[in-house]
Amino acid sequence: MKIIESHKFKIRLRVITDYIKKDKQSASINFVKKLKKNIKNLNNSPFKYKQSDYFDNENIRDMTYMGYTVIYKIYLEENTIIVVDIFNQNKPLDTTK
């Protein structure tokens, strides 16, 4: 499957990594490396994670990673996964942006 990261995901990931980098740059780099590896592994089993709590669609999934929720959508017909968003689990999803 082809994996595409949405613009929104990229922006929010940058904000998160910039925040982590303030404390320790190596932690920020490690966070991104491991997250990207987990995202890449979605190729092997895209339905591995539970259906999203935020959407009523079985093709939209929530992957939990180090206190963050990564939302992704599976498009079986196109053989594609789109990584939609990432946010801290303790904060509600802002659907207006």
PDB file of N, CA and C in Angstrom:
ATOM      1  N   MET A   1       0.835  -1.190   0.000  1.00  0.00           N
ATOM      2  CA  MET A   1       0.000   0.000   0.000  1.00  0.00           C
ATOM      3  C   MET A   1       0.874   1.245   0.000  1.00  0.00           C
ATOM      4  N   LYS A   2       0.379   2.251  -0.652  1.00  0.00           N
ATOM      5  CA  LYS A   2       1.052   3.540  -0.670  1.00  0.00           C
ATOM      6  C   LYS A   2       0.592   4.329   0.557  1.00  0.00           C
ATOM      7  N   ILE A   3       1.537   4.961   1.245  1.00  0.00           N
ATOM      8  CA  ILE A   3       1.211   5.755   2.432  1.00  0.00           C
ATOM      9  C   ILE A   3       1.495   7.223   2.128  1.00  0.00           C
ATOM     10  N   ILE A   4       0.479   8.046   2.360  1.00  0.00           N
ATOM     11  CA  ILE A   4       0.583   9.482   2.105  1.00  0.00           C
ATOM     12  C   ILE A   4       0.320  10.216   3.414  1.00  0.00           C
ATOM     13  N   GLU A   5       1.175  11.159   3.725  1.00  0.00           N
ATOM     14  CA  GLU A   5       0.983  11.996   4.911  1.00  0.00           C
ATOM     15  C   GLU A   5       0.306  13.294   4.488  1.00  0.00           C
ATOM     16  N   SER A   6      -0.819  13.607   5.105  1.00  0.00           N
ATOM     17  CA  SER A   6      -1.543  14.835   4.767  1.00  0.00           C
ATOM     18  C   SER A   6      -0.751  16.063   5.219  1.00  0.00           C
ATOM     19  N   HIS A   7      -1.077  17.178   4.624  1.00  0.00           N
ATOM     20  CA  HIS A   7      -0.450  18.447   4.992  1.00  0.00           C
ATOM     21  C   HIS A   7      -0.689  18.752   6.474  1.00  0.00           C
ATOM     22  N   LYS A   8      -1.923  18.519   6.923  1.00  0.00           N
ATOM     23  CA  LYS A   8      -2.287  18.756   8.320  1.00  0.00           C
ATOM     24  C   LYS A   8      -1.418  17.909   9.262  1.00  0.00           C
ATOM     25  N   PHE A   9      -1.228  16.641   8.918  1.00  0.00           N
ATOM     26  CA  PHE A   9      -0.392  15.756   9.729  1.00  0.00           C
ATOM     27  C   PHE A   9       1.030  16.301   9.811  1.00  0.00           C
ATOM     28  N   LYS A  10       1.574  16.690   8.679  1.00  0.00           N
ATOM     29  CA  LYS A  10       2.957  17.186   8.642  1.00  0.00           C
ATOM     30  C   LYS A  10       3.138  18.430   9.506  1.00  0.00           C
ATOM     31  N   ILE A  11       2.170  19.330   9.436  1.00  0.00           N
ATOM     32  CA  ILE A  11       2.251  20.562  10.237  1.00  0.00           C
ATOM     33  C   ILE A  11       2.180  20.238  11.727  1.00  0.00           C
ATOM     34  N   ARG A  12       1.220  19.408  12.106  1.00  0.00           N
ATOM     35  CA  ARG A  12       1.068  19.079  13.531  1.00  0.00           C
ATOM     36  C   ARG A  12       2.266  18.285  14.056  1.00  0.00           C
ATOM     37  N   LEU A  13       2.822  17.408  13.233  1.00  0.00           N
ATOM     38  CA  LEU A  13       4.016  16.661  13.640  1.00  0.00           C
ATOM     39  C   LEU A  13       5.181  17.619  13.862  1.00  0.00           C
ATOM     40  N   ARG A  14       5.300  18.619  13.015  1.00  0.00           N
ATOM     41  CA  ARG A  14       6.374  19.613  13.172  1.00  0.00           C
ATOM     42  C   ARG A  14       6.229  20.352  14.498  1.00  0.00           C
ATOM     43  N   VAL A  15       5.014  20.734  14.852  1.00  0.00           N
ATOM     44  CA  VAL A  15       4.762  21.433  16.122  1.00  0.00           C
ATOM     45  C   VAL A  15       5.158  20.536  17.302  1.00  0.00           C
ATOM     46  N   ILE A  16       4.768  19.276  17.229  1.00  0.00           N
ATOM     47  CA  ILE A  16       5.092  18.323  18.301  1.00  0.00           C
ATOM     48  C   ILE A  16       6.596  18.144  18.428  1.00  0.00           C
ATOM     49  N   THR A  17       7.268  17.936  17.302  1.00  0.00           N
ATOM     50  CA  THR A  17       8.715  17.696  17.367  1.00  0.00           C
ATOM     51  C   THR A  17       9.469  18.950  17.801  1.00  0.00           C
ATOM     52  N   ASP A  18       8.986  20.118  17.402  1.00  0.00           N
ATOM     53  CA  ASP A  18       9.621  21.358  17.876  1.00  0.00           C
ATOM     54  C   ASP A  18       9.498  21.486  19.386  1.00  0.00           C
ATOM     55  N   TYR A  19       8.355  21.091  19.925  1.00  0.00           N
ATOM     56  CA  TYR A  19       8.146  21.123  21.374  1.00  0.00           C
ATOM     57  C   TYR A  19       9.090  20.144  22.083  1.00  0.00           C
ATOM     58  N   ILE A  20       9.195  18.933  21.557  1.00  0.00           N
ATOM     59  CA  ILE A  20      10.086  17.926  22.156  1.00  0.00           C
ATOM     60  C   ILE A  20      11.536  18.385  22.048  1.00  0.00           C
ATOM     61  N   LYS A  21      11.881  19.003  20.932  1.00  0.00           N
ATOM     62  CA  LYS A  21      13.252  19.453  20.676  1.00  0.00           C
ATOM     63  C   LYS A  21      13.715  20.491  21.696  1.00  0.00           C
ATOM     64  N   LYS A  22      12.767  21.269  22.240  1.00  0.00           N
ATOM     65  CA  LYS A  22      13.127  22.270  23.244  1.00  0.00           C
ATOM     66  C   LYS A  22      13.785  21.626  24.457  1.00  0.00           C
ATOM     67  N   ASP A  23      13.343  20.418  24.783  1.00  0.00           N
ATOM     68  CA  ASP A  23      13.891  19.688  25.922  1.00  0.00           C
ATOM     69  C   ASP A  23      15.138  18.909  25.522  1.00  0.00           C
ATOM     70  N   LYS A  24      15.035  18.179  24.397  1.00  0.00           N
ATOM     71  CA  LYS A  24      16.153  17.328  23.997  1.00  0.00           C
ATOM     72  C   LYS A  24      16.027  16.991  22.509  1.00  0.00           C
ATOM     73  N   GLN A  25      16.982  17.463  21.733  1.00  0.00           N
ATOM     74  CA  GLN A  25      16.913  17.267  20.284  1.00  0.00           C
ATOM     75  C   GLN A  25      16.945  15.789  19.894  1.00  0.00           C
ATOM     76  N   SER A  26      17.760  15.000  20.569  1.00  0.00           N
ATOM     77  CA  SER A  26      17.853  13.576  20.220  1.00  0.00           C
ATOM     78  C   SER A  26      16.524  12.859  20.480  1.00  0.00           C
ATOM     79  N   ALA A  27      15.785  13.289  21.493  1.00  0.00           N
ATOM     80  CA  ALA A  27      14.474  12.700  21.771  1.00  0.00           C
ATOM     81  C   ALA A  27      13.499  13.011  20.643  1.00  0.00           C
ATOM     82  N   SER A  28      13.597  14.210  20.103  1.00  0.00           N
ATOM     83  CA  SER A  28      12.744  14.615  18.990  1.00  0.00           C
ATOM     84  C   SER A  28      13.026  13.766  17.752  1.00  0.00           C
ATOM     85  N   ILE A  29      14.281  13.557  17.464  1.00  0.00           N
ATOM     86  CA  ILE A  29      14.686  12.745  16.310  1.00  0.00           C
ATOM     87  C   ILE A  29      14.225  11.307  16.495  1.00  0.00           C
ATOM     88  N   ASN A  30      14.413  10.776  17.679  1.00  0.00           N
ATOM     89  CA  ASN A  30      14.007   9.407  17.989  1.00  0.00           C
ATOM     90  C   ASN A  30      12.490   9.235  17.879  1.00  0.00           C
ATOM     91  N   PHE A  31      11.746  10.230  18.354  1.00  0.00           N
ATOM     92  CA  PHE A  31      10.291  10.208  18.282  1.00  0.00           C
ATOM     93  C   PHE A  31       9.837  10.060  16.830  1.00  0.00           C
ATOM     94  N   VAL A  32      10.393  10.882  15.955  1.00  0.00           N
ATOM     95  CA  VAL A  32       9.998  10.860  14.542  1.00  0.00           C
ATOM     96  C   VAL A  32      10.402   9.544  13.880  1.00  0.00           C
ATOM     97  N   LYS A  33      11.604   9.070  14.147  1.00  0.00           N
ATOM     98  CA  LYS A  33      12.064   7.808  13.540  1.00  0.00           C
ATOM     99  C   LYS A  33      11.147   6.646  13.887  1.00  0.00           C
ATOM    100  N   LYS A  34      10.820   6.516  15.163  1.00  0.00           N
ATOM    101  CA  LYS A  34       9.967   5.406  15.595  1.00  0.00           C
ATOM    102  C   LYS A  34       8.537   5.564  15.089  1.00  0.00           C
ATOM    103  N   LEU A  35       8.043   6.796  15.075  1.00  0.00           N
ATOM    104  CA  LEU A  35       6.698   7.034  14.560  1.00  0.00           C
ATOM    105  C   LEU A  35       6.617   6.669  13.081  1.00  0.00           C
ATOM    106  N   LYS A  36       7.597   7.100  12.297  1.00  0.00           N
ATOM    107  CA  LYS A  36       7.608   6.805  10.860  1.00  0.00           C
ATOM    108  C   LYS A  36       7.703   5.296  10.619  1.00  0.00           C
ATOM    109  N   LYS A  37       8.440   4.599  11.466  1.00  0.00           N
ATOM    110  CA  LYS A  37       8.533   3.143  11.338  1.00  0.00           C
ATOM    111  C   LYS A  37       7.165   2.504  11.592  1.00  0.00           C
ATOM    112  N   ASN A  38       6.467   2.965  12.622  1.00  0.00           N
ATOM    113  CA  ASN A  38       5.126   2.437  12.917  1.00  0.00           C
ATOM    114  C   ASN A  38       4.158   2.727  11.774  1.00  0.00           C
ATOM    115  N   ILE A  39       4.261   3.908  11.204  1.00  0.00           N
ATOM    116  CA  ILE A  39       3.393   4.262  10.079  1.00  0.00           C
ATOM    117  C   ILE A  39       3.716   3.373   8.872  1.00  0.00           C
ATOM    118  N   LYS A  40       4.985   3.182   8.608  1.00  0.00           N
ATOM    119  CA  LYS A  40       5.390   2.326   7.483  1.00  0.00           C
ATOM    120  C   LYS A  40       4.860   0.901   7.666  1.00  0.00           C
ATOM    121  N   ASN A  41       4.827   0.422   8.893  1.00  0.00           N
ATOM    122  CA  ASN A  41       4.347  -0.930   9.176  1.00  0.00           C
ATOM    123  C   ASN A  41       2.849  -1.102   8.934  1.00  0.00           C
ATOM    124  N   LEU A  42       2.133  -0.003   8.738  1.00  0.00           N
ATOM    125  CA  LEU A  42       0.710  -0.103   8.407  1.00  0.00           C
ATOM    126  C   LEU A  42       0.509  -0.835   7.075  1.00  0.00           C
ATOM    127  N   ASN A  43       1.531  -0.821   6.233  1.00  0.00           N
ATOM    128  CA  ASN A  43       1.479  -1.564   4.963  1.00  0.00           C
ATOM    129  C   ASN A  43       1.142  -3.026   5.186  1.00  0.00           C
ATOM    130  N   ASN A  44       1.717  -3.613   6.214  1.00  0.00           N
ATOM    131  CA  ASN A  44       1.558  -5.047   6.475  1.00  0.00           C
ATOM    132  C   ASN A  44       0.182  -5.402   7.019  1.00  0.00           C
ATOM    133  N   SER A  45      -0.378  -4.530   7.833  1.00  0.00           N
ATOM    134  CA  SER A  45      -1.697  -4.812   8.414  1.00  0.00           C
ATOM    135  C   SER A  45      -2.412  -3.489   8.714  1.00  0.00           C
ATOM    136  N   PRO A  46      -3.037  -2.902   7.708  1.00  0.00           N
ATOM    137  CA  PRO A  46      -3.662  -1.590   7.893  1.00  0.00           C
ATOM    138  C   PRO A  46      -4.819  -1.572   8.893  1.00  0.00           C
ATOM    139  N   PHE A  47      -5.440  -2.717   9.147  1.00  0.00           N
ATOM    140  CA  PHE A  47      -6.552  -2.769  10.090  1.00  0.00           C
ATOM    141  C   PHE A  47      -6.106  -3.201  11.494  1.00  0.00           C
ATOM    142  N   LYS A  48      -4.813  -3.113  11.742  1.00  0.00           N
ATOM    143  CA  LYS A  48      -4.241  -3.528  13.030  1.00  0.00           C
ATOM    144  C   LYS A  48      -4.812  -2.722  14.202  1.00  0.00           C
ATOM    145  N   TYR A  49      -5.009  -1.444  13.994  1.00  0.00           N
ATOM    146  CA  TYR A  49      -5.469  -0.570  15.069  1.00  0.00           C
ATOM    147  C   TYR A  49      -6.991  -0.433  15.040  1.00  0.00           C
ATOM    148  N   LYS A  50      -7.543  -0.020  16.156  1.00  0.00           N
ATOM    149  CA  LYS A  50      -9.005   0.030  16.314  1.00  0.00           C
ATOM    150  C   LYS A  50      -9.624   1.120  15.442  1.00  0.00           C
ATOM    151  N   GLN A  51     -10.918   0.899  15.164  1.00  0.00           N
ATOM    152  CA  GLN A  51     -11.671   1.912  14.438  1.00  0.00           C
ATOM    153  C   GLN A  51     -11.645   3.206  15.236  1.00  0.00           C
ATOM    154  N   SER A  52     -11.593   4.318  14.550  1.00  0.00           N
ATOM    155  CA  SER A  52     -11.481   5.619  15.195  1.00  0.00           C
ATOM    156  C   SER A  52     -12.642   5.910  16.134  1.00  0.00           C
ATOM    157  N   ASP A  53     -12.317   6.510  17.266  1.00  0.00           N
ATOM    158  CA  ASP A  53     -13.332   6.977  18.212  1.00  0.00           C
ATOM    159  C   ASP A  53     -13.992   8.260  17.718  1.00  0.00           C
ATOM    160  N   TYR A  54     -13.385   8.899  16.729  1.00  0.00           N
ATOM    161  CA  TYR A  54     -13.825  10.224  16.299  1.00  0.00           C
ATOM    162  C   TYR A  54     -14.641  10.212  15.015  1.00  0.00           C
ATOM    163  N   PHE A  55     -14.655   9.082  14.311  1.00  0.00           N
ATOM    164  CA  PHE A  55     -15.364   8.977  13.039  1.00  0.00           C
ATOM    165  C   PHE A  55     -16.121   7.662  12.981  1.00  0.00           C
ATOM    166  N   ASP A  56     -17.281   7.681  12.372  1.00  0.00           N
ATOM    167  CA  ASP A  56     -18.094   6.477  12.218  1.00  0.00           C
ATOM    168  C   ASP A  56     -17.809   5.856  10.847  1.00  0.00           C
ATOM    169  N   ASN A  57     -16.594   5.333  10.712  1.00  0.00           N
ATOM    170  CA  ASN A  57     -16.167   4.753   9.439  1.00  0.00           C
ATOM    171  C   ASN A  57     -15.122   3.686   9.760  1.00  0.00           C
ATOM    172  N   GLU A  58     -15.382   2.464   9.374  1.00  0.00           N
ATOM    173  CA  GLU A  58     -14.464   1.370   9.722  1.00  0.00           C
ATOM    174  C   GLU A  58     -13.109   1.482   9.030  1.00  0.00           C
ATOM    175  N   ASN A  59     -12.994   2.322   8.025  1.00  0.00           N
ATOM    176  CA  ASN A  59     -11.715   2.507   7.337  1.00  0.00           C
ATOM    177  C   ASN A  59     -10.871   3.626   7.929  1.00  0.00           C
ATOM    178  N   ILE A  60     -11.403   4.302   8.934  1.00  0.00           N
ATOM    179  CA  ILE A  60     -10.633   5.333   9.632  1.00  0.00           C
ATOM    180  C   ILE A  60     -10.214   4.753  10.984  1.00  0.00           C
ATOM    181  N   ARG A  61      -8.917   4.762  11.238  1.00  0.00           N
ATOM    182  CA  ARG A  61      -8.340   4.081  12.398  1.00  0.00           C
ATOM    183  C   ARG A  61      -7.547   5.039  13.272  1.00  0.00           C
ATOM    184  N   ASP A  62      -7.435   4.684  14.548  1.00  0.00           N
ATOM    185  CA  ASP A  62      -6.633   5.431  15.530  1.00  0.00           C
ATOM    186  C   ASP A  62      -5.435   4.586  15.937  1.00  0.00           C
ATOM    187  N   MET A  63      -4.257   5.062  15.634  1.00  0.00           N
ATOM    188  CA  MET A  63      -3.031   4.413  16.099  1.00  0.00           C
ATOM    189  C   MET A  63      -2.516   5.235  17.282  1.00  0.00           C
ATOM    190  N   THR A  64      -2.263   4.579  18.397  1.00  0.00           N
ATOM    191  CA  THR A  64      -1.731   5.254  19.574  1.00  0.00           C
ATOM    192  C   THR A  64      -0.214   5.097  19.577  1.00  0.00           C
ATOM    193  N   TYR A  65       0.473   6.226  19.805  1.00  0.00           N
ATOM    194  CA  TYR A  65       1.933   6.221  19.827  1.00  0.00           C
ATOM    195  C   TYR A  65       2.421   7.242  20.847  1.00  0.00           C
ATOM    196  N   MET A  66       3.044   6.760  21.901  1.00  0.00           N
ATOM    197  CA  MET A  66       3.689   7.589  22.928  1.00  0.00           C
ATOM    198  C   MET A  66       2.806   8.754  23.398  1.00  0.00           C
ATOM    199  N   GLY A  67       1.559   8.471  23.713  1.00  0.00           N
ATOM    200  CA  GLY A  67       0.666   9.490  24.221  1.00  0.00           C
ATOM    201  C   GLY A  67      -0.027  10.318  23.144  1.00  0.00           C
ATOM    202  N   TYR A  68       0.177   9.974  21.895  1.00  0.00           N
ATOM    203  CA  TYR A  68      -0.445  10.678  20.787  1.00  0.00           C
ATOM    204  C   TYR A  68      -1.351   9.730  20.016  1.00  0.00           C
ATOM    205  N   THR A  69      -2.380  10.299  19.407  1.00  0.00           N
ATOM    206  CA  THR A  69      -3.256   9.535  18.528  1.00  0.00           C
ATOM    207  C   THR A  69      -2.953   9.946  17.095  1.00  0.00           C
ATOM    208  N   VAL A  70      -2.719   8.958  16.257  1.00  0.00           N
ATOM    209  CA  VAL A  70      -2.497   9.181  14.826  1.00  0.00           C
ATOM    210  C   VAL A  70      -3.725   8.633  14.115  1.00  0.00           C
ATOM    211  N   ILE A  71      -4.420   9.500  13.403  1.00  0.00           N
ATOM    212  CA  ILE A  71      -5.604   9.077  12.659  1.00  0.00           C
ATOM    213  C   ILE A  71      -5.204   8.847  11.210  1.00  0.00           C
ATOM    214  N   TYR A  72      -5.615   7.690  10.690  1.00  0.00           N
ATOM    215  CA  TYR A  72      -5.338   7.401   9.283  1.00  0.00           C
ATOM    216  C   TYR A  72      -6.553   6.760   8.637  1.00  0.00           C
ATOM    217  N   LYS A  73      -6.644   6.936   7.318  1.00  0.00           N
ATOM    218  CA  LYS A  73      -7.775   6.388   6.562  1.00  0.00           C
ATOM    219  C   LYS A  73      -7.249   5.431   5.504  1.00  0.00           C
ATOM    220  N   ILE A  74      -7.930   4.302   5.397  1.00  0.00           N
ATOM    221  CA  ILE A  74      -7.545   3.255   4.460  1.00  0.00           C
ATOM    222  C   ILE A  74      -8.459   3.338   3.235  1.00  0.00           C
ATOM    223  N   TYR A  75      -7.840   3.410   2.065  1.00  0.00           N
ATOM    224  CA  TYR A  75      -8.565   3.391   0.794  1.00  0.00           C
ATOM    225  C   TYR A  75      -8.174   2.103   0.076  1.00  0.00           C
ATOM    226  N   LEU A  76      -8.964   1.066   0.273  1.00  0.00           N
ATOM    227  CA  LEU A  76      -8.635  -0.237  -0.283  1.00  0.00           C
ATOM    228  C   LEU A  76      -8.604  -0.225  -1.808  1.00  0.00           C
ATOM    229  N   GLU A  77      -9.569   0.450  -2.428  1.00  0.00           N
ATOM    230  CA  GLU A  77      -9.648   0.468  -3.883  1.00  0.00           C
ATOM    231  C   GLU A  77      -8.413   1.097  -4.519  1.00  0.00           C
ATOM    232  N   GLU A  78      -7.869   2.117  -3.857  1.00  0.00           N
ATOM    233  CA  GLU A  78      -6.684   2.809  -4.369  1.00  0.00           C
ATOM    234  C   GLU A  78      -5.385   2.233  -3.804  1.00  0.00           C
ATOM    235  N   ASN A  79      -5.521   1.247  -2.912  1.00  0.00           N
ATOM    236  CA  ASN A  79      -4.355   0.646  -2.273  1.00  0.00           C
ATOM    237  C   ASN A  79      -3.500   1.715  -1.576  1.00  0.00           C
ATOM    238  N   THR A  80      -4.197   2.591  -0.840  1.00  0.00           N
ATOM    239  CA  THR A  80      -3.551   3.755  -0.242  1.00  0.00           C
ATOM    240  C   THR A  80      -4.002   3.955   1.204  1.00  0.00           C
ATOM    241  N   ILE A  81      -3.083   4.455   2.010  1.00  0.00           N
ATOM    242  CA  ILE A  81      -3.379   4.888   3.374  1.00  0.00           C
ATOM    243  C   ILE A  81      -3.006   6.360   3.454  1.00  0.00           C
ATOM    244  N   ILE A  82      -3.927   7.162   3.973  1.00  0.00           N
ATOM    245  CA  ILE A  82      -3.619   8.574   4.191  1.00  0.00           C
ATOM    246  C   ILE A  82      -3.557   8.825   5.687  1.00  0.00           C
ATOM    247  N   VAL A  83      -2.405   9.307   6.144  1.00  0.00           N
ATOM    248  CA  VAL A  83      -2.231   9.677   7.549  1.00  0.00           C
ATOM    249  C   VAL A  83      -2.794  11.088   7.677  1.00  0.00           C
ATOM    250  N   VAL A  84      -3.885  11.197   8.414  1.00  0.00           N
ATOM    251  CA  VAL A  84      -4.686  12.417   8.436  1.00  0.00           C
ATOM    252  C   VAL A  84      -4.232  13.412   9.492  1.00  0.00           C
ATOM    253  N   ASP A  85      -3.976  12.925  10.715  1.00  0.00           N
ATOM    254  CA  ASP A  85      -3.745  13.854  11.818  1.00  0.00           C
ATOM    255  C   ASP A  85      -2.975  13.169  12.938  1.00  0.00           C
ATOM    256  N   ILE A  86      -2.382  13.973  13.799  1.00  0.00           N
ATOM    257  CA  ILE A  86      -1.753  13.503  15.034  1.00  0.00           C
ATOM    258  C   ILE A  86      -2.044  14.541  16.102  1.00  0.00           C
ATOM    259  N   PHE A  87      -2.403  14.069  17.290  1.00  0.00           N
ATOM    260  CA  PHE A  87      -2.668  14.991  18.386  1.00  0.00           C
ATOM    261  C   PHE A  87      -2.463  14.265  19.704  1.00  0.00           C
ATOM    262  N   ASN A  88      -2.263  15.055  20.757  1.00  0.00           N
ATOM    263  CA  ASN A  88      -2.111  14.515  22.100  1.00  0.00           C
ATOM    264  C   ASN A  88      -3.416  13.884  22.520  1.00  0.00           C
ATOM    265  N   GLN A  89      -3.365  12.688  23.070  1.00  0.00           N
ATOM    266  CA  GLN A  89      -4.567  11.958  23.458  1.00  0.00           C
ATOM    267  C   GLN A  89      -5.413  12.703  24.476  1.00  0.00           C
ATOM    268  N   ASN A  90      -4.824  13.559  25.263  1.00  0.00           N
ATOM    269  CA  ASN A  90      -5.553  14.258  26.314  1.00  0.00           C
ATOM    270  C   ASN A  90      -6.307  15.483  25.813  1.00  0.00           C
ATOM    271  N   LYS A  91      -6.096  15.833  24.548  1.00  0.00           N
ATOM    272  CA  LYS A  91      -6.757  17.007  24.001  1.00  0.00           C
ATOM    273  C   LYS A  91      -7.802  16.570  22.986  1.00  0.00           C
ATOM    274  N   PRO A  92      -8.953  17.231  22.988  1.00  0.00           N
ATOM    275  CA  PRO A  92      -9.980  16.857  22.022  1.00  0.00           C
ATOM    276  C   PRO A  92      -9.553  17.187  20.603  1.00  0.00           C
ATOM    277  N   LEU A  93     -10.087  16.435  19.672  1.00  0.00           N
ATOM    278  CA  LEU A  93      -9.797  16.665  18.259  1.00  0.00           C
ATOM    279  C   LEU A  93     -10.453  17.952  17.803  1.00  0.00           C
ATOM    280  N   ASP A  94      -9.676  18.831  17.203  1.00  0.00           N
ATOM    281  CA  ASP A  94     -10.188  20.092  16.657  1.00  0.00           C
ATOM    282  C   ASP A  94     -10.557  19.825  15.201  1.00  0.00           C
ATOM    283  N   THR A  95     -11.835  19.651  14.924  1.00  0.00           N
ATOM    284  CA  THR A  95     -12.273  19.324  13.582  1.00  0.00           C
ATOM    285  C   THR A  95     -12.488  20.565  12.718  1.00  0.00           C
ATOM    286  N   THR A  96     -12.259  21.754  13.267  1.00  0.00           N
ATOM    287  CA  THR A  96     -12.467  22.985  12.502  1.00  0.00           C
ATOM    288  C   THR A  96     -11.262  23.361  11.670  1.00  0.00           C
ATOM    289  N   LYS A  97     -10.139  22.716  11.891  1.00  0.00           N
ATOM    290  CA  LYS A  97      -8.915  23.090  11.158  1.00  0.00           C
ATOM    291  C   LYS A  97      -8.509  22.000  10.221  1.00  0.00           C
TER     292      LYS A  97
END
